[in-house]
Amino acid sequence: MIFYSLCGIGGCNMPFIISRISIPVSREQELELKAWLGKAIELVPGKSEEYLLLGFEDNCRLWLRGDDSEPIAYAVAGKTEAFYESEVKPREMLNFPPFARMLRLVFRAPSEKQAASGANGAAAILYKILAGARANASKLQEAACHTEILGPAECPLSKIAANYRQQIILRGPSVSLLQYMAHTFRENFKAPSEVYIEYDVDPVSLL
């Protein structure tokens, strides 16, 4: 298990990340974590590793949801089978991959209003496409009846590099249907010039 705490130092607004880890961490692993956090802080406008203070504390007793064993601890220790077993049950309960397929659309724009407008316009078209697939007697009809559209909504990281971000997530049992929806959407939606759309199948991250 790894716990990150982010705070500022004095009045200089320097980010300070303290990493508390429940297992021993070697020097090599610490350097890998340092490099990863150095890249991650660049997502914050105006910040870079040059102005980042880091601290590492290993062999900490960390508890979450009344349990001191977290899947990431298995991953860090190289216990892939234990990691899989700890991850697969909650994924099944939440209907996340590999128990369903997902396609994420992210709408980036210089203003919050532009990003929201692009995402709302896209959602209206996607709902029509899904309704048509449910009504049409085809091999995709059954999958369409078990497919849902989540959003639009702000991304958890709502602004990156001066761009505001909104997202729509398509989730269902058939990747063929999701690809059909995305393809039909692209043919019927003209994005405003200031809005850029990203497509991601079975995204690793929803940030």
Protein backbone atom coordinates (compact mmCIF):
# COMPACT_ATOMS: atom_id res chain seq x y z
CA MET A 1 0.00 0.00 0.00
CA ILE A 2 1.26 3.50 -0.87
CA PHE A 3 -0.21 6.68 0.58
CA TYR A 4 0.67 10.08 -0.89
CA SER A 5 0.23 13.33 1.02
CA LEU A 6 0.59 16.60 -0.91
CA CYS A 7 1.14 19.91 0.88
CA GLY A 8 2.88 23.27 0.41
CA ILE A 9 6.07 24.55 2.03
CA GLY A 10 5.79 27.89 3.79
CA GLY A 11 4.84 30.78 1.57
CA CYS A 12 6.82 29.61 -1.46
CA ASN A 13 4.04 27.35 -2.78
CA MET A 14 6.50 24.49 -3.32
CA PRO A 15 4.69 21.11 -3.51
CA PHE A 16 5.86 18.56 -0.92
CA ILE A 17 4.81 14.94 -1.45
CA ILE A 18 5.26 12.48 1.39
CA SER A 19 5.03 8.82 0.31
CA ARG A 20 4.22 6.38 3.10
CA ILE A 21 4.64 2.77 1.96
CA SER A 22 3.65 -0.38 3.82
CA ILE A 23 6.56 -2.55 2.59
CA PRO A 24 10.36 -2.11 2.42
CA VAL A 25 11.50 0.05 -0.51
CA SER A 26 14.91 -0.32 -2.10
CA ARG A 27 16.99 2.58 -3.39
CA GLU A 28 16.14 1.58 -6.97
CA GLN A 29 12.40 1.52 -6.23
CA GLU A 30 12.67 4.89 -4.52
CA LEU A 31 14.34 6.35 -7.61
CA GLU A 32 11.56 4.90 -9.80
CA LEU A 33 8.91 6.47 -7.56
CA LYS A 34 10.80 9.78 -7.62
CA ALA A 35 10.87 9.77 -11.44
CA TRP A 36 7.15 8.89 -11.67
CA LEU A 37 6.14 11.62 -9.20
CA GLY A 38 8.37 14.09 -11.03
CA LYS A 39 6.40 13.48 -14.22
CA ALA A 40 3.04 13.46 -12.44
CA ILE A 41 3.59 16.91 -10.88
CA GLU A 42 3.95 18.37 -14.37
CA LEU A 43 0.17 17.91 -14.74
CA VAL A 44 -0.18 20.81 -12.30
CA PRO A 45 0.16 24.07 -14.27
CA GLY A 46 3.50 25.79 -13.60
CA LYS A 47 5.01 22.91 -11.59
CA SER A 48 7.94 20.61 -12.41
CA GLU A 49 10.29 18.21 -10.62
CA GLU A 50 12.77 21.08 -10.23
CA TYR A 51 10.46 22.64 -7.65
CA LEU A 52 9.24 19.42 -6.01
CA LEU A 53 10.20 18.23 -2.55
CA LEU A 54 9.77 14.51 -1.88
CA GLY A 55 9.86 12.33 1.21
CA PHE A 56 9.68 8.52 1.50
CA GLU A 57 8.76 6.47 4.57
CA ASP A 58 8.67 2.70 4.13
CA ASN A 59 7.52 -0.13 6.44
CA CYS A 60 4.56 1.99 7.55
CA ARG A 61 1.40 0.45 9.00
CA LEU A 62 -1.36 1.71 6.69
CA TRP A 63 -5.03 0.76 6.94
CA LEU A 64 -7.82 1.32 4.42
CA ARG A 65 -11.47 0.25 4.81
CA GLY A 66 -10.49 -1.62 7.96
CA ASP A 67 -7.83 -3.62 6.12
CA ASP A 68 -4.05 -3.24 6.00
CA SER A 69 -3.59 -5.17 2.73
CA GLU A 70 -4.05 -3.10 -0.44
CA PRO A 71 -3.66 -4.39 -4.03
CA ILE A 72 -0.83 -1.99 -4.78
CA ALA A 73 1.25 -3.64 -2.05
CA TYR A 74 1.00 -6.93 -3.97
CA ALA A 75 2.01 -5.21 -7.19
CA VAL A 76 5.06 -3.57 -5.65
CA ALA A 77 6.08 -6.90 -4.12
CA GLY A 78 5.69 -8.67 -7.48
CA LYS A 79 2.83 -10.88 -6.23
CA THR A 80 0.86 -10.75 -9.47
CA GLU A 81 -1.59 -13.57 -8.68
CA ALA A 82 -2.50 -12.04 -5.31
CA PHE A 83 -2.84 -8.64 -7.00
CA TYR A 84 -5.20 -10.13 -9.61
CA GLU A 85 -7.36 -11.83 -6.99
CA SER A 86 -7.66 -8.62 -4.96
CA GLU A 87 -8.60 -6.56 -8.05
CA VAL A 88 -10.92 -8.87 -9.96
CA LYS A 89 -13.76 -9.04 -7.42
CA PRO A 90 -14.37 -5.28 -7.05
CA ARG A 91 -14.05 -4.90 -10.84
CA GLU A 92 -16.76 -7.50 -11.32
CA MET A 93 -19.01 -5.75 -8.80
CA LEU A 94 -18.50 -2.36 -10.53
CA ASN A 95 -18.80 -3.84 -14.03
CA PHE A 96 -15.33 -2.62 -15.01
CA PRO A 97 -13.02 -4.33 -17.54
CA PRO A 98 -12.51 -7.23 -18.07
CA PHE A 99 -16.21 -7.80 -17.18
CA ALA A 100 -17.34 -5.00 -19.49
CA ARG A 101 -15.80 -2.88 -22.22
CA MET A 102 -15.37 0.86 -21.99
CA LEU A 103 -14.73 3.69 -24.42
CA ARG A 104 -13.86 7.10 -23.05
CA LEU A 105 -14.24 10.38 -24.90
CA VAL A 106 -12.44 13.42 -23.48
CA PHE A 107 -13.27 16.92 -24.68
CA ARG A 108 -10.51 19.53 -24.27
CA ALA A 109 -10.95 23.26 -24.81
CA PRO A 110 -9.41 26.57 -23.70
CA SER A 111 -12.52 27.52 -21.72
CA GLU A 112 -14.75 25.57 -19.35
CA LYS A 113 -17.84 26.63 -21.29
CA GLN A 114 -16.41 25.40 -24.63
CA ALA A 115 -15.48 22.00 -23.19
CA ALA A 116 -18.91 21.57 -21.57
CA SER A 117 -20.71 22.68 -24.74
CA GLY A 118 -18.77 20.19 -26.86
CA ALA A 119 -19.43 17.34 -24.42
CA ASN A 120 -23.15 18.14 -24.10
CA GLY A 121 -23.59 18.27 -27.87
CA ALA A 122 -21.76 14.97 -28.23
CA ALA A 123 -23.89 13.30 -25.52
CA ALA A 124 -27.11 14.22 -27.33
CA ILE A 125 -25.88 12.49 -30.49
CA LEU A 126 -24.54 9.45 -28.63
CA TYR A 127 -27.87 8.92 -26.85
CA LYS A 128 -29.64 8.97 -30.24
CA ILE A 129 -27.16 6.45 -31.66
CA LEU A 130 -27.64 4.13 -28.70
CA ALA A 131 -31.44 4.42 -28.91
CA GLY A 132 -31.27 3.54 -32.60
CA ALA A 133 -29.09 0.49 -31.91
CA ARG A 134 -31.58 -0.71 -29.29
CA ALA A 135 -34.51 -0.33 -31.69
CA ASN A 136 -32.76 -1.86 -34.69
CA ALA A 137 -33.05 -5.65 -35.06
CA SER A 138 -29.39 -6.51 -35.59
CA LYS A 139 -26.62 -8.52 -33.96
CA LEU A 140 -25.78 -5.44 -31.86
CA GLN A 141 -29.29 -4.99 -30.48
CA GLU A 142 -28.87 -7.18 -27.40
CA ALA A 143 -25.54 -5.57 -26.53
CA ALA A 144 -27.11 -2.12 -26.96
CA CYS A 145 -29.77 -2.99 -24.38
CA HIS A 146 -26.98 -3.58 -21.84
CA THR A 147 -24.88 -0.54 -22.79
CA GLU A 148 -24.92 2.74 -20.89
CA ILE A 149 -23.60 6.26 -21.34
CA LEU A 150 -22.00 7.89 -18.31
CA GLY A 151 -21.75 11.67 -18.40
CA PRO A 152 -20.96 14.14 -19.64
CA ALA A 153 -19.07 15.30 -16.57
CA GLU A 154 -15.87 17.06 -15.62
CA CYS A 155 -12.78 14.87 -15.61
CA PRO A 156 -11.30 14.37 -12.12
CA LEU A 157 -8.34 16.40 -13.42
CA SER A 158 -10.61 19.09 -14.82
CA LYS A 159 -7.83 21.27 -16.22
CA ILE A 160 -4.46 20.28 -17.69
CA ALA A 161 -2.03 22.56 -19.50
CA ALA A 162 -4.51 25.44 -19.86
CA ASN A 163 -7.24 23.15 -21.25
CA TYR A 164 -10.52 22.37 -19.49
CA ARG A 165 -11.65 18.75 -19.73
CA GLN A 166 -15.02 16.98 -19.86
CA GLN A 167 -15.60 13.28 -20.41
CA ILE A 168 -18.21 10.79 -21.58
CA ILE A 169 -17.83 7.07 -20.91
CA LEU A 170 -19.54 4.36 -22.94
CA ARG A 171 -19.77 1.03 -21.10
CA GLY A 172 -21.22 -2.26 -22.30
CA PRO A 173 -20.56 -5.92 -23.12
CA SER A 174 -19.51 -5.44 -26.75
CA VAL A 175 -16.49 -3.46 -27.93
CA SER A 176 -17.87 -3.76 -31.47
CA LEU A 177 -20.93 -1.76 -30.44
CA LEU A 178 -18.82 0.88 -28.69
CA GLN A 179 -16.64 1.22 -31.77
CA TYR A 180 -19.75 1.46 -33.95
CA MET A 181 -21.10 4.22 -31.71
CA ALA A 182 -17.82 6.13 -31.81
CA HIS A 183 -17.54 5.77 -35.60
CA THR A 184 -21.14 6.89 -36.17
CA PHE A 185 -20.66 9.75 -33.75
CA ARG A 186 -17.59 11.00 -35.62
CA GLU A 187 -19.56 10.96 -38.87
CA ASN A 188 -22.42 13.00 -37.40
CA PHE A 189 -20.69 15.42 -35.02
CA LYS A 190 -18.75 18.46 -36.12
CA ALA A 191 -16.69 19.56 -33.17
CA PRO A 192 -16.18 23.30 -32.71
CA SER A 193 -12.73 24.38 -33.85
CA GLU A 194 -11.63 25.08 -30.29
CA VAL A 195 -12.67 21.62 -28.98
CA TYR A 196 -10.34 18.61 -29.30
CA ILE A 197 -11.68 15.09 -28.72
CA GLU A 198 -9.66 12.12 -27.45
CA TYR A 199 -10.84 8.50 -27.77
CA ASP A 200 -9.60 5.77 -25.43
CA VAL A 201 -10.78 2.13 -25.46
CA ASP A 202 -10.66 0.38 -22.08
CA PRO A 203 -8.81 3.32 -20.50
CA VAL A 204 -6.14 2.59 -17.92
CA SER A 205 -6.97 5.82 -16.11
CA LEU A 206 -10.16 7.88 -15.81
CA LEU A 207 -8.38 10.98 -14.52
